[in-house]
Amino acid sequence: MEEINLEEEFNKLNEKSSLRDFQKYIEKMIKKRGFDNETPEDVVLLLTEELGEVAKEVRKSTDIKMDINSSRTQNLDKEIADLFNMLMSLCVVTKIDLFEAYKNKEEINLKRKWN
């Protein structure tokens, strides 16, 4: 079995990379890091946890009271990246091509009436 050089694969990604390129990278990352036995349920739990972290980061920009020992330093960009990572992981685990799924769903949405 060929050894995956994850850093090399990561460095191939750029602003012209497609959604499918990212999904292929995530699949390699999952295998390399030993998460290839995760179930869809496992990944949904992790995805939900990451969504909570995004919510916490958004909360930092509000006037909602927080623990005075908590930092209001925002890392929203990093948490959104983690959320994207877990969404892509769920697609890999469930064998969903996110590009195709998005196109198919948006075709339906384009025919809907929104108000």
PDB file of N, CA and C in Angstrom:
ATOM      1  N   MET A   1       0.839  -1.180   0.000  1.00  0.00           N
ATOM      2  CA  MET A   1       0.000   0.000   0.000  1.00  0.00           C
ATOM      3  C   MET A   1       0.886   1.245   0.000  1.00  0.00           C
ATOM      4  N   GLU A   2       0.558   2.180  -0.862  1.00  0.00           N
ATOM      5  CA  GLU A   2       1.345   3.400  -1.001  1.00  0.00           C
ATOM      6  C   GLU A   2       1.124   4.334   0.179  1.00  0.00           C
ATOM      7  N   GLU A   3       2.216   4.859   0.718  1.00  0.00           N
ATOM      8  CA  GLU A   3       2.152   5.806   1.836  1.00  0.00           C
ATOM      9  C   GLU A   3       1.636   7.154   1.328  1.00  0.00           C
ATOM     10  N   ILE A   4       0.711   7.724   2.044  1.00  0.00           N
ATOM     11  CA  ILE A   4       0.134   9.021   1.674  1.00  0.00           C
ATOM     12  C   ILE A   4       0.978  10.126   2.296  1.00  0.00           C
ATOM     13  N   ASN A   5       1.464  11.037   1.456  1.00  0.00           N
ATOM     14  CA  ASN A   5       2.153  12.219   1.955  1.00  0.00           C
ATOM     15  C   ASN A   5       1.108  13.322   2.038  1.00  0.00           C
ATOM     16  N   LEU A   6       0.537  13.476   3.227  1.00  0.00           N
ATOM     17  CA  LEU A   6      -0.580  14.397   3.406  1.00  0.00           C
ATOM     18  C   LEU A   6      -0.179  15.845   3.142  1.00  0.00           C
ATOM     19  N   GLU A   7       1.023  16.219   3.550  1.00  0.00           N
ATOM     20  CA  GLU A   7       1.462  17.595   3.317  1.00  0.00           C
ATOM     21  C   GLU A   7       1.569  17.879   1.816  1.00  0.00           C
ATOM     22  N   GLU A   8       2.060  16.918   1.072  1.00  0.00           N
ATOM     23  CA  GLU A   8       2.154  17.064  -0.388  1.00  0.00           C
ATOM     24  C   GLU A   8       0.765  17.205  -1.004  1.00  0.00           C
ATOM     25  N   GLU A   9      -0.165  16.375  -0.539  1.00  0.00           N
ATOM     26  CA  GLU A   9      -1.545  16.438  -1.035  1.00  0.00           C
ATOM     27  C   GLU A   9      -2.193  17.775  -0.674  1.00  0.00           C
ATOM     28  N   PHE A  10      -1.949  18.239   0.554  1.00  0.00           N
ATOM     29  CA  PHE A  10      -2.502  19.512   0.996  1.00  0.00           C
ATOM     30  C   PHE A  10      -1.977  20.664   0.144  1.00  0.00           C
ATOM     31  N   ASN A  11      -0.702  20.621  -0.169  1.00  0.00           N
ATOM     32  CA  ASN A  11      -0.092  21.701  -0.949  1.00  0.00           C
ATOM     33  C   ASN A  11      -0.591  21.763  -2.385  1.00  0.00           C
ATOM     34  N   LYS A  12      -1.266  20.729  -2.843  1.00  0.00           N
ATOM     35  CA  LYS A  12      -1.868  20.745  -4.179  1.00  0.00           C
ATOM     36  C   LYS A  12      -3.156  21.576  -4.210  1.00  0.00           C
ATOM     37  N   LEU A  13      -3.753  21.790  -3.040  1.00  0.00           N
ATOM     38  CA  LEU A  13      -4.991  22.563  -2.971  1.00  0.00           C
ATOM     39  C   LEU A  13      -4.680  24.050  -3.113  1.00  0.00           C
ATOM     40  N   ASN A  14      -5.509  24.740  -3.884  1.00  0.00           N
ATOM     41  CA  ASN A  14      -5.344  26.184  -4.057  1.00  0.00           C
ATOM     42  C   ASN A  14      -6.697  26.794  -4.383  1.00  0.00           C
ATOM     43  N   GLU A  15      -6.703  28.088  -4.686  1.00  0.00           N
ATOM     44  CA  GLU A  15      -7.971  28.784  -4.926  1.00  0.00           C
ATOM     45  C   GLU A  15      -8.719  28.262  -6.147  1.00  0.00           C
ATOM     46  N   LYS A  16      -8.065  27.495  -6.995  1.00  0.00           N
ATOM     47  CA  LYS A  16      -8.730  26.921  -8.169  1.00  0.00           C
ATOM     48  C   LYS A  16      -9.190  25.480  -7.928  1.00  0.00           C
ATOM     49  N   SER A  17      -8.935  24.966  -6.743  1.00  0.00           N
ATOM     50  CA  SER A  17      -9.336  23.595  -6.420  1.00  0.00           C
ATOM     51  C   SER A  17     -10.854  23.494  -6.377  1.00  0.00           C
ATOM     52  N   SER A  18     -11.350  22.384  -6.840  1.00  0.00           N
ATOM     53  CA  SER A  18     -12.796  22.158  -6.853  1.00  0.00           C
ATOM     54  C   SER A  18     -13.249  21.556  -5.526  1.00  0.00           C
ATOM     55  N   LEU A  19     -14.549  21.536  -5.342  1.00  0.00           N
ATOM     56  CA  LEU A  19     -15.127  20.883  -4.173  1.00  0.00           C
ATOM     57  C   LEU A  19     -14.721  19.411  -4.147  1.00  0.00           C
ATOM     58  N   ARG A  20     -14.701  18.801  -5.323  1.00  0.00           N
ATOM     59  CA  ARG A  20     -14.282  17.398  -5.400  1.00  0.00           C
ATOM     60  C   ARG A  20     -12.812  17.223  -5.014  1.00  0.00           C
ATOM     61  N   ASP A  21     -11.961  18.193  -5.364  1.00  0.00           N
ATOM     62  CA  ASP A  21     -10.555  18.133  -4.946  1.00  0.00           C
ATOM     63  C   ASP A  21     -10.452  18.124  -3.422  1.00  0.00           C
ATOM     64  N   PHE A  22     -11.238  18.987  -2.781  1.00  0.00           N
ATOM     65  CA  PHE A  22     -11.234  19.022  -1.319  1.00  0.00           C
ATOM     66  C   PHE A  22     -11.744  17.708  -0.744  1.00  0.00           C
ATOM     67  N   GLN A  23     -12.788  17.164  -1.346  1.00  0.00           N
ATOM     68  CA  GLN A  23     -13.351  15.917  -0.839  1.00  0.00           C
ATOM     69  C   GLN A  23     -12.340  14.780  -0.978  1.00  0.00           C
ATOM     70  N   LYS A  24     -11.597  14.747  -2.073  1.00  0.00           N
ATOM     71  CA  LYS A  24     -10.554  13.722  -2.249  1.00  0.00           C
ATOM     72  C   LYS A  24      -9.444  13.893  -1.212  1.00  0.00           C
ATOM     73  N   TYR A  25      -9.081  15.148  -0.945  1.00  0.00           N
ATOM     74  CA  TYR A  25      -8.062  15.405   0.072  1.00  0.00           C
ATOM     75  C   TYR A  25      -8.545  14.933   1.443  1.00  0.00           C
ATOM     76  N   ILE A  26      -9.784  15.261   1.786  1.00  0.00           N
ATOM     77  CA  ILE A  26     -10.347  14.856   3.083  1.00  0.00           C
ATOM     78  C   ILE A  26     -10.354  13.336   3.209  1.00  0.00           C
ATOM     79  N   GLU A  27     -10.675  12.650   2.133  1.00  0.00           N
ATOM     80  CA  GLU A  27     -10.672  11.182   2.165  1.00  0.00           C
ATOM     81  C   GLU A  27      -9.272  10.658   2.484  1.00  0.00           C
ATOM     82  N   LYS A  28      -8.252  11.231   1.860  1.00  0.00           N
ATOM     83  CA  LYS A  28      -6.874  10.828   2.140  1.00  0.00           C
ATOM     84  C   LYS A  28      -6.483  11.189   3.569  1.00  0.00           C
ATOM     85  N   MET A  29      -6.921  12.355   4.024  1.00  0.00           N
ATOM     86  CA  MET A  29      -6.616  12.800   5.378  1.00  0.00           C
ATOM     87  C   MET A  29      -7.219  11.856   6.412  1.00  0.00           C
ATOM     88  N   ILE A  30      -8.462  11.453   6.184  1.00  0.00           N
ATOM     89  CA  ILE A  30      -9.142  10.527   7.092  1.00  0.00           C
ATOM     90  C   ILE A  30      -8.345   9.231   7.215  1.00  0.00           C
ATOM     91  N   LYS A  31      -7.930   8.680   6.084  1.00  0.00           N
ATOM     92  CA  LYS A  31      -7.154   7.434   6.098  1.00  0.00           C
ATOM     93  C   LYS A  31      -5.819   7.624   6.802  1.00  0.00           C
ATOM     94  N   LYS A  32      -5.120   8.686   6.466  1.00  0.00           N
ATOM     95  CA  LYS A  32      -3.795   8.943   7.027  1.00  0.00           C
ATOM     96  C   LYS A  32      -3.848   9.118   8.540  1.00  0.00           C
ATOM     97  N   ARG A  33      -4.873   9.802   9.027  1.00  0.00           N
ATOM     98  CA  ARG A  33      -4.976  10.082  10.458  1.00  0.00           C
ATOM     99  C   ARG A  33      -5.672   8.973  11.244  1.00  0.00           C
ATOM    100  N   GLY A  34      -6.101   7.913  10.553  1.00  0.00           N
ATOM    101  CA  GLY A  34      -6.673   6.761  11.232  1.00  0.00           C
ATOM    102  C   GLY A  34      -8.142   6.896  11.616  1.00  0.00           C
ATOM    103  N   PHE A  35      -8.866   7.758  10.923  1.00  0.00           N
ATOM    104  CA  PHE A  35     -10.285   7.942  11.215  1.00  0.00           C
ATOM    105  C   PHE A  35     -11.170   7.225  10.202  1.00  0.00           C
ATOM    106  N   ASP A  36     -10.607   6.312   9.423  1.00  0.00           N
ATOM    107  CA  ASP A  36     -11.364   5.666   8.348  1.00  0.00           C
ATOM    108  C   ASP A  36     -12.355   4.610   8.833  1.00  0.00           C
ATOM    109  N   ASN A  37     -12.424   4.363  10.138  1.00  0.00           N
ATOM    110  CA  ASN A  37     -13.423   3.429  10.662  1.00  0.00           C
ATOM    111  C   ASN A  37     -14.574   4.150  11.358  1.00  0.00           C
ATOM    112  N   GLU A  38     -14.611   5.478  11.239  1.00  0.00           N
ATOM    113  CA  GLU A  38     -15.689   6.253  11.859  1.00  0.00           C
ATOM    114  C   GLU A  38     -17.004   5.949  11.141  1.00  0.00           C
ATOM    115  N   THR A  39     -18.057   5.845  11.923  1.00  0.00           N
ATOM    116  CA  THR A  39     -19.387   5.630  11.350  1.00  0.00           C
ATOM    117  C   THR A  39     -20.014   6.984  11.028  1.00  0.00           C
ATOM    118  N   PRO A  40     -21.058   6.999  10.208  1.00  0.00           N
ATOM    119  CA  PRO A  40     -21.762   8.268   9.984  1.00  0.00           C
ATOM    120  C   PRO A  40     -22.229   8.896  11.304  1.00  0.00           C
ATOM    121  N   GLU A  41     -22.657   8.059  12.249  1.00  0.00           N
ATOM    122  CA  GLU A  41     -23.099   8.572  13.543  1.00  0.00           C
ATOM    123  C   GLU A  41     -21.957   9.258  14.278  1.00  0.00           C
ATOM    124  N   ASP A  42     -20.766   8.656  14.241  1.00  0.00           N
ATOM    125  CA  ASP A  42     -19.586   9.266  14.872  1.00  0.00           C
ATOM    126  C   ASP A  42     -19.308  10.638  14.267  1.00  0.00           C
ATOM    127  N   VAL A  43     -19.349  10.698  12.950  1.00  0.00           N
ATOM    128  CA  VAL A  43     -19.022  11.942  12.255  1.00  0.00           C
ATOM    129  C   VAL A  43     -20.086  13.006  12.513  1.00  0.00           C
ATOM    130  N   VAL A  44     -21.356  12.612  12.587  1.00  0.00           N
ATOM    131  CA  VAL A  44     -22.414  13.581  12.885  1.00  0.00           C
ATOM    132  C   VAL A  44     -22.207  14.174  14.277  1.00  0.00           C
ATOM    133  N   LEU A  45     -21.800  13.363  15.230  1.00  0.00           N
ATOM    134  CA  LEU A  45     -21.526  13.891  16.568  1.00  0.00           C
ATOM    135  C   LEU A  45     -20.390  14.917  16.519  1.00  0.00           C
ATOM    136  N   LEU A  46     -19.337  14.602  15.789  1.00  0.00           N
ATOM    137  CA  LEU A  46     -18.215  15.535  15.662  1.00  0.00           C
ATOM    138  C   LEU A  46     -18.628  16.799  14.908  1.00  0.00           C
ATOM    139  N   LEU A  47     -19.449  16.628  13.881  1.00  0.00           N
ATOM    140  CA  LEU A  47     -19.960  17.767  13.116  1.00  0.00           C
ATOM    141  C   LEU A  47     -20.787  18.682  14.019  1.00  0.00           C
ATOM    142  N   THR A  48     -21.617  18.096  14.843  1.00  0.00           N
ATOM    143  CA  THR A  48     -22.447  18.857  15.776  1.00  0.00           C
ATOM    144  C   THR A  48     -21.580  19.606  16.787  1.00  0.00           C
ATOM    145  N   GLU A  49     -20.545  18.957  17.271  1.00  0.00           N
ATOM    146  CA  GLU A  49     -19.610  19.604  18.189  1.00  0.00           C
ATOM    147  C   GLU A  49     -18.956  20.817  17.529  1.00  0.00           C
ATOM    148  N   GLU A  50     -18.545  20.655  16.282  1.00  0.00           N
ATOM    149  CA  GLU A  50     -17.920  21.774  15.557  1.00  0.00           C
ATOM    150  C   GLU A  50     -18.912  22.905  15.334  1.00  0.00           C
ATOM    151  N   LEU A  51     -20.177  22.577  15.062  1.00  0.00           N
ATOM    152  CA  LEU A  51     -21.198  23.605  14.898  1.00  0.00           C
ATOM    153  C   LEU A  51     -21.366  24.396  16.195  1.00  0.00           C
ATOM    154  N   GLY A  52     -21.308  23.706  17.322  1.00  0.00           N
ATOM    155  CA  GLY A  52     -21.370  24.376  18.619  1.00  0.00           C
ATOM    156  C   GLY A  52     -20.202  25.335  18.805  1.00  0.00           C
ATOM    157  N   GLU A  53     -19.029  24.939  18.331  1.00  0.00           N
ATOM    158  CA  GLU A  53     -17.857  25.807  18.440  1.00  0.00           C
ATOM    159  C   GLU A  53     -18.004  27.041  17.541  1.00  0.00           C
ATOM    160  N   VAL A  54     -18.637  26.871  16.372  1.00  0.00           N
ATOM    161  CA  VAL A  54     -18.920  28.025  15.511  1.00  0.00           C
ATOM    162  C   VAL A  54     -19.877  28.965  16.242  1.00  0.00           C
ATOM    163  N   ALA A  55     -20.916  28.410  16.855  1.00  0.00           N
ATOM    164  CA  ALA A  55     -21.886  29.236  17.591  1.00  0.00           C
ATOM    165  C   ALA A  55     -21.202  30.002  18.720  1.00  0.00           C
ATOM    166  N   LYS A  56     -20.290  29.346  19.406  1.00  0.00           N
ATOM    167  CA  LYS A  56     -19.577  30.007  20.499  1.00  0.00           C
ATOM    168  C   LYS A  56     -18.733  31.170  19.974  1.00  0.00           C
ATOM    169  N   GLU A  57     -18.119  30.981  18.818  1.00  0.00           N
ATOM    170  CA  GLU A  57     -17.314  32.058  18.229  1.00  0.00           C
ATOM    171  C   GLU A  57     -18.194  33.232  17.813  1.00  0.00           C
ATOM    172  N   VAL A  58     -19.365  32.947  17.249  1.00  0.00           N
ATOM    173  CA  VAL A  58     -20.287  34.016  16.871  1.00  0.00           C
ATOM    174  C   VAL A  58     -20.766  34.740  18.127  1.00  0.00           C
ATOM    175  N   ARG A  59     -21.003  33.983  19.165  1.00  0.00           N
ATOM    176  CA  ARG A  59     -21.453  34.557  20.438  1.00  0.00           C
ATOM    177  C   ARG A  59     -20.452  35.583  20.970  1.00  0.00           C
ATOM    178  N   LYS A  60     -19.177  35.364  20.735  1.00  0.00           N
ATOM    179  CA  LYS A  60     -18.145  36.278  21.220  1.00  0.00           C
ATOM    180  C   LYS A  60     -18.290  37.678  20.634  1.00  0.00           C
ATOM    181  N   SER A  61     -18.977  37.794  19.511  1.00  0.00           N
ATOM    182  CA  SER A  61     -19.151  39.106  18.877  1.00  0.00           C
ATOM    183  C   SER A  61     -20.424  39.799  19.339  1.00  0.00           C
ATOM    184  N   THR A  62     -21.118  39.201  20.289  1.00  0.00           N
ATOM    185  CA  THR A  62     -22.365  39.777  20.795  1.00  0.00           C
ATOM    186  C   THR A  62     -22.148  40.328  22.203  1.00  0.00           C
ATOM    187  N   ASP A  63     -23.203  40.870  22.755  1.00  0.00           N
ATOM    188  CA  ASP A  63     -23.161  41.364  24.128  1.00  0.00           C
ATOM    189  C   ASP A  63     -23.681  40.335  25.125  1.00  0.00           C
ATOM    190  N   ILE A  64     -23.858  39.106  24.675  1.00  0.00           N
ATOM    191  CA  ILE A  64     -24.322  38.056  25.582  1.00  0.00           C
ATOM    192  C   ILE A  64     -23.249  37.820  26.639  1.00  0.00           C
ATOM    193  N   LYS A  65     -23.683  37.706  27.867  1.00  0.00           N
ATOM    194  CA  LYS A  65     -22.733  37.522  28.965  1.00  0.00           C
ATOM    195  C   LYS A  65     -21.982  36.210  28.795  1.00  0.00           C
ATOM    196  N   MET A  66     -20.702  36.278  29.167  1.00  0.00           N
ATOM    197  CA  MET A  66     -19.829  35.090  29.094  1.00  0.00           C
ATOM    198  C   MET A  66     -19.033  35.013  30.383  1.00  0.00           C
ATOM    199  N   ASP A  67     -18.477  33.875  30.634  1.00  0.00           N
ATOM    200  CA  ASP A  67     -17.548  33.687  31.739  1.00  0.00           C
ATOM    201  C   ASP A  67     -16.430  34.708  31.602  1.00  0.00           C
ATOM    202  N   ILE A  68     -16.143  35.435  32.662  1.00  0.00           N
ATOM    203  CA  ILE A  68     -15.120  36.485  32.578  1.00  0.00           C
ATOM    204  C   ILE A  68     -13.733  35.918  32.297  1.00  0.00           C
ATOM    205  N   ASN A  69     -13.559  34.625  32.522  1.00  0.00           N
ATOM    206  CA  ASN A  69     -12.275  33.988  32.237  1.00  0.00           C
ATOM    207  C   ASN A  69     -12.160  33.525  30.785  1.00  0.00           C
ATOM    208  N   SER A  70     -13.272  33.607  30.049  1.00  0.00           N
ATOM    209  CA  SER A  70     -13.261  33.210  28.640  1.00  0.00           C
ATOM    210  C   SER A  70     -12.740  34.350  27.782  1.00  0.00           C
ATOM    211  N   SER A  71     -11.999  33.994  26.778  1.00  0.00           N
ATOM    212  CA  SER A  71     -11.459  34.995  25.855  1.00  0.00           C
ATOM    213  C   SER A  71     -12.516  35.371  24.831  1.00  0.00           C
ATOM    214  N   ARG A  72     -12.549  36.634  24.468  1.00  0.00           N
ATOM    215  CA  ARG A  72     -13.436  37.083  23.389  1.00  0.00           C
ATOM    216  C   ARG A  72     -12.676  37.145  22.067  1.00  0.00           C
ATOM    217  N   THR A  73     -11.451  36.613  22.066  1.00  0.00           N
ATOM    218  CA  THR A  73     -10.688  36.536  20.824  1.00  0.00           C
ATOM    219  C   THR A  73     -11.430  35.614  19.876  1.00  0.00           C
ATOM    220  N   GLN A  74     -11.645  36.084  18.660  1.00  0.00           N
ATOM    221  CA  GLN A  74     -12.433  35.296  17.719  1.00  0.00           C
ATOM    222  C   GLN A  74     -11.563  34.405  16.847  1.00  0.00           C
ATOM    223  N   ASN A  75     -12.026  33.196  16.684  1.00  0.00           N
ATOM    224  CA  ASN A  75     -11.412  32.218  15.796  1.00  0.00           C
ATOM    225  C   ASN A  75     -12.476  31.639  14.875  1.00  0.00           C
ATOM    226  N   LEU A  76     -13.420  32.475  14.473  1.00  0.00           N
ATOM    227  CA  LEU A  76     -14.551  32.008  13.667  1.00  0.00           C
ATOM    228  C   LEU A  76     -14.079  31.348  12.381  1.00  0.00           C
ATOM    229  N   ASP A  77     -13.071  31.920  11.737  1.00  0.00           N
ATOM    230  CA  ASP A  77     -12.579  31.352  10.484  1.00  0.00           C
ATOM    231  C   ASP A  77     -12.069  29.921  10.681  1.00  0.00           C
ATOM    232  N   LYS A  78     -11.358  29.698  11.772  1.00  0.00           N
ATOM    233  CA  LYS A  78     -10.822  28.356  12.042  1.00  0.00           C
ATOM    234  C   LYS A  78     -11.928  27.370  12.376  1.00  0.00           C
ATOM    235  N   GLU A  79     -12.923  27.834  13.124  1.00  0.00           N
ATOM    236  CA  GLU A  79     -14.025  26.941  13.486  1.00  0.00           C
ATOM    237  C   GLU A  79     -14.894  26.613  12.273  1.00  0.00           C
ATOM    238  N   ILE A  80     -15.084  27.568  11.383  1.00  0.00           N
ATOM    239  CA  ILE A  80     -15.833  27.286  10.147  1.00  0.00           C
ATOM    240  C   ILE A  80     -15.047  26.288   9.297  1.00  0.00           C
ATOM    241  N   ALA A  81     -13.723  26.424   9.268  1.00  0.00           N
ATOM    242  CA  ALA A  81     -12.893  25.460   8.533  1.00  0.00           C
ATOM    243  C   ALA A  81     -13.048  24.068   9.134  1.00  0.00           C
ATOM    244  N   ASP A  82     -13.077  23.968  10.473  1.00  0.00           N
ATOM    245  CA  ASP A  82     -13.289  22.669  11.126  1.00  0.00           C
ATOM    246  C   ASP A  82     -14.666  22.106  10.767  1.00  0.00           C
ATOM    247  N   LEU A  83     -15.665  22.968  10.731  1.00  0.00           N
ATOM    248  CA  LEU A  83     -17.020  22.531  10.382  1.00  0.00           C
ATOM    249  C   LEU A  83     -17.055  22.001   8.948  1.00  0.00           C
ATOM    250  N   PHE A  84     -16.406  22.723   8.035  1.00  0.00           N
ATOM    251  CA  PHE A  84     -16.307  22.284   6.636  1.00  0.00           C
ATOM    252  C   PHE A  84     -15.610  20.923   6.564  1.00  0.00           C
ATOM    253  N   ASN A  85     -14.550  20.784   7.330  1.00  0.00           N
ATOM    254  CA  ASN A  85     -13.798  19.534   7.373  1.00  0.00           C
ATOM    255  C   ASN A  85     -14.700  18.368   7.793  1.00  0.00           C
ATOM    256  N   MET A  86     -15.513  18.586   8.818  1.00  0.00           N
ATOM    257  CA  MET A  86     -16.378  17.515   9.297  1.00  0.00           C
ATOM    258  C   MET A  86     -17.528  17.246   8.327  1.00  0.00           C
ATOM    259  N   LEU A  87     -18.050  18.289   7.678  1.00  0.00           N
ATOM    260  CA  LEU A  87     -19.094  18.084   6.666  1.00  0.00           C
ATOM    261  C   LEU A  87     -18.536  17.243   5.517  1.00  0.00           C
ATOM    262  N   MET A  88     -17.341  17.579   5.074  1.00  0.00           N
ATOM    263  CA  MET A  88     -16.710  16.806   4.001  1.00  0.00           C
ATOM    264  C   MET A  88     -16.428  15.373   4.466  1.00  0.00           C
ATOM    265  N   SER A  89     -16.049  15.211   5.720  1.00  0.00           N
ATOM    266  CA  SER A  89     -15.819  13.874   6.266  1.00  0.00           C
ATOM    267  C   SER A  89     -17.100  13.049   6.240  1.00  0.00           C
ATOM    268  N   LEU A  90     -18.215  13.689   6.585  1.00  0.00           N
ATOM    269  CA  LEU A  90     -19.501  12.984   6.538  1.00  0.00           C
ATOM    270  C   LEU A  90     -19.818  12.548   5.117  1.00  0.00           C
ATOM    271  N   CYS A  91     -19.518  13.392   4.154  1.00  0.00           N
ATOM    272  CA  CYS A  91     -19.737  13.034   2.747  1.00  0.00           C
ATOM    273  C   CYS A  91     -18.874  11.844   2.347  1.00  0.00           C
ATOM    274  N   VAL A  92     -17.637  11.834   2.793  1.00  0.00           N
ATOM    275  CA  VAL A  92     -16.738  10.721   2.472  1.00  0.00           C
ATOM    276  C   VAL A  92     -17.273   9.428   3.088  1.00  0.00           C
ATOM    277  N   VAL A  93     -17.630   9.480   4.358  1.00  0.00           N
ATOM    278  CA  VAL A  93     -18.091   8.282   5.069  1.00  0.00           C
ATOM    279  C   VAL A  93     -19.380   7.733   4.465  1.00  0.00           C
ATOM    280  N   THR A  94     -20.245   8.636   4.014  1.00  0.00           N
ATOM    281  CA  THR A  94     -21.529   8.194   3.450  1.00  0.00           C
ATOM    282  C   THR A  94     -21.493   8.069   1.929  1.00  0.00           C
ATOM    283  N   LYS A  95     -20.318   8.298   1.347  1.00  0.00           N
ATOM    284  CA  LYS A  95     -20.110   8.184  -0.099  1.00  0.00           C
ATOM    285  C   LYS A  95     -21.018   9.118  -0.899  1.00  0.00           C
ATOM    286  N   ILE A  96     -21.161  10.335  -0.396  1.00  0.00           N
ATOM    287  CA  ILE A  96     -21.946  11.359  -1.083  1.00  0.00           C
ATOM    288  C   ILE A  96     -20.991  12.310  -1.787  1.00  0.00           C
ATOM    289  N   ASP A  97     -21.220  12.516  -3.067  1.00  0.00           N
ATOM    290  CA  ASP A  97     -20.470  13.513  -3.825  1.00  0.00           C
ATOM    291  C   ASP A  97     -21.161  14.844  -3.533  1.00  0.00           C
ATOM    292  N   LEU A  98     -20.532  15.678  -2.713  1.00  0.00           N
ATOM    293  CA  LEU A  98     -21.161  16.922  -2.278  1.00  0.00           C
ATOM    294  C   LEU A  98     -21.468  17.847  -3.448  1.00  0.00           C
ATOM    295  N   PHE A  99     -20.602  17.868  -4.442  1.00  0.00           N
ATOM    296  CA  PHE A  99     -20.862  18.695  -5.620  1.00  0.00           C
ATOM    297  C   PHE A  99     -22.167  18.281  -6.287  1.00  0.00           C
ATOM    298  N   GLU A 100     -22.329  16.995  -6.550  1.00  0.00           N
ATOM    299  CA  GLU A 100     -23.554  16.498  -7.190  1.00  0.00           C
ATOM    300  C   GLU A 100     -24.763  16.709  -6.302  1.00  0.00           C
ATOM    301  N   ALA A 101     -24.611  16.446  -5.007  1.00  0.00           N
ATOM    302  CA  ALA A 101     -25.729  16.629  -4.079  1.00  0.00           C
ATOM    303  C   ALA A 101     -26.177  18.083  -4.068  1.00  0.00           C
ATOM    304  N   TYR A 102     -25.208  18.991  -4.057  1.00  0.00           N
ATOM    305  CA  TYR A 102     -25.547  20.413  -4.049  1.00  0.00           C
ATOM    306  C   TYR A 102     -26.262  20.818  -5.338  1.00  0.00           C
ATOM    307  N   LYS A 103     -25.715  20.398  -6.469  1.00  0.00           N
ATOM    308  CA  LYS A 103     -26.334  20.743  -7.757  1.00  0.00           C
ATOM    309  C   LYS A 103     -27.766  20.211  -7.821  1.00  0.00           C
ATOM    310  N   ASN A 104     -27.971  18.962  -7.421  1.00  0.00           N
ATOM    311  CA  ASN A 104     -29.303  18.358  -7.461  1.00  0.00           C
ATOM    312  C   ASN A 104     -30.280  19.091  -6.548  1.00  0.00           C
ATOM    313  N   LYS A 105     -29.833  19.434  -5.357  1.00  0.00           N
ATOM    314  CA  LYS A 105     -30.717  20.117  -4.410  1.00  0.00           C
ATOM    315  C   LYS A 105     -31.019  21.537  -4.878  1.00  0.00           C
ATOM    316  N   GLU A 106     -30.020  22.226  -5.419  1.00  0.00           N
ATOM    317  CA  GLU A 106     -30.255  23.612  -5.858  1.00  0.00           C
ATOM    318  C   GLU A 106     -31.194  23.650  -7.054  1.00  0.00           C
ATOM    319  N   GLU A 107     -31.191  22.624  -7.902  1.00  0.00           N
ATOM    320  CA  GLU A 107     -32.166  22.547  -8.998  1.00  0.00           C
ATOM    321  C   GLU A 107     -33.585  22.558  -8.439  1.00  0.00           C
ATOM    322  N   ILE A 108     -33.791  21.851  -7.355  1.00  0.00           N
ATOM    323  CA  ILE A 108     -35.108  21.828  -6.698  1.00  0.00           C
ATOM    324  C   ILE A 108     -35.413  23.204  -6.119  1.00  0.00           C
ATOM    325  N   ASN A 109     -34.415  23.792  -5.419  1.00  0.00           N
ATOM    326  CA  ASN A 109     -34.625  25.091  -4.778  1.00  0.00           C
ATOM    327  C   ASN A 109     -34.912  26.200  -5.785  1.00  0.00           C
ATOM    328  N   LEU A 110     -34.325  26.121  -6.969  1.00  0.00           N
ATOM    329  CA  LEU A 110     -34.539  27.144  -7.990  1.00  0.00           C
ATOM    330  C   LEU A 110     -35.978  27.172  -8.489  1.00  0.00           C
ATOM    331  N   LYS A 111     -36.672  26.051  -8.353  1.00  0.00           N
ATOM    332  CA  LYS A 111     -38.056  25.959  -8.806  1.00  0.00           C
ATOM    333  C   LYS A 111     -39.056  26.366  -7.724  1.00  0.00           C
ATOM    334  N   ARG A 112     -38.581  26.568  -6.517  1.00  0.00           N
ATOM    335  CA  ARG A 112     -39.445  26.940  -5.421  1.00  0.00           C
ATOM    336  C   ARG A 112     -39.715  28.437  -5.416  1.00  0.00           C
ATOM    337  N   LYS A 113     -40.830  28.794  -4.838  1.00  0.00           N
ATOM    338  CA  LYS A 113     -41.188  30.202  -4.643  1.00  0.00           C
ATOM    339  C   LYS A 113     -40.780  30.578  -3.225  1.00  0.00           C
ATOM    340  N   TRP A 114     -40.006  31.648  -3.109  1.00  0.00           N
ATOM    341  CA  TRP A 114     -39.515  32.089  -1.800  1.00  0.00           C
ATOM    342  C   TRP A 114     -40.120  33.447  -1.486  1.00  0.00           C
ATOM    343  N   ASN A 115     -40.533  33.644  -0.230  1.00  0.00           N
ATOM    344  CA  ASN A 115     -41.036  34.956   0.171  1.00  0.00           C
ATOM    345  C   ASN A 115     -40.523  35.336   1.538  1.00  0.00           C
TER     346      ASN A 115
END
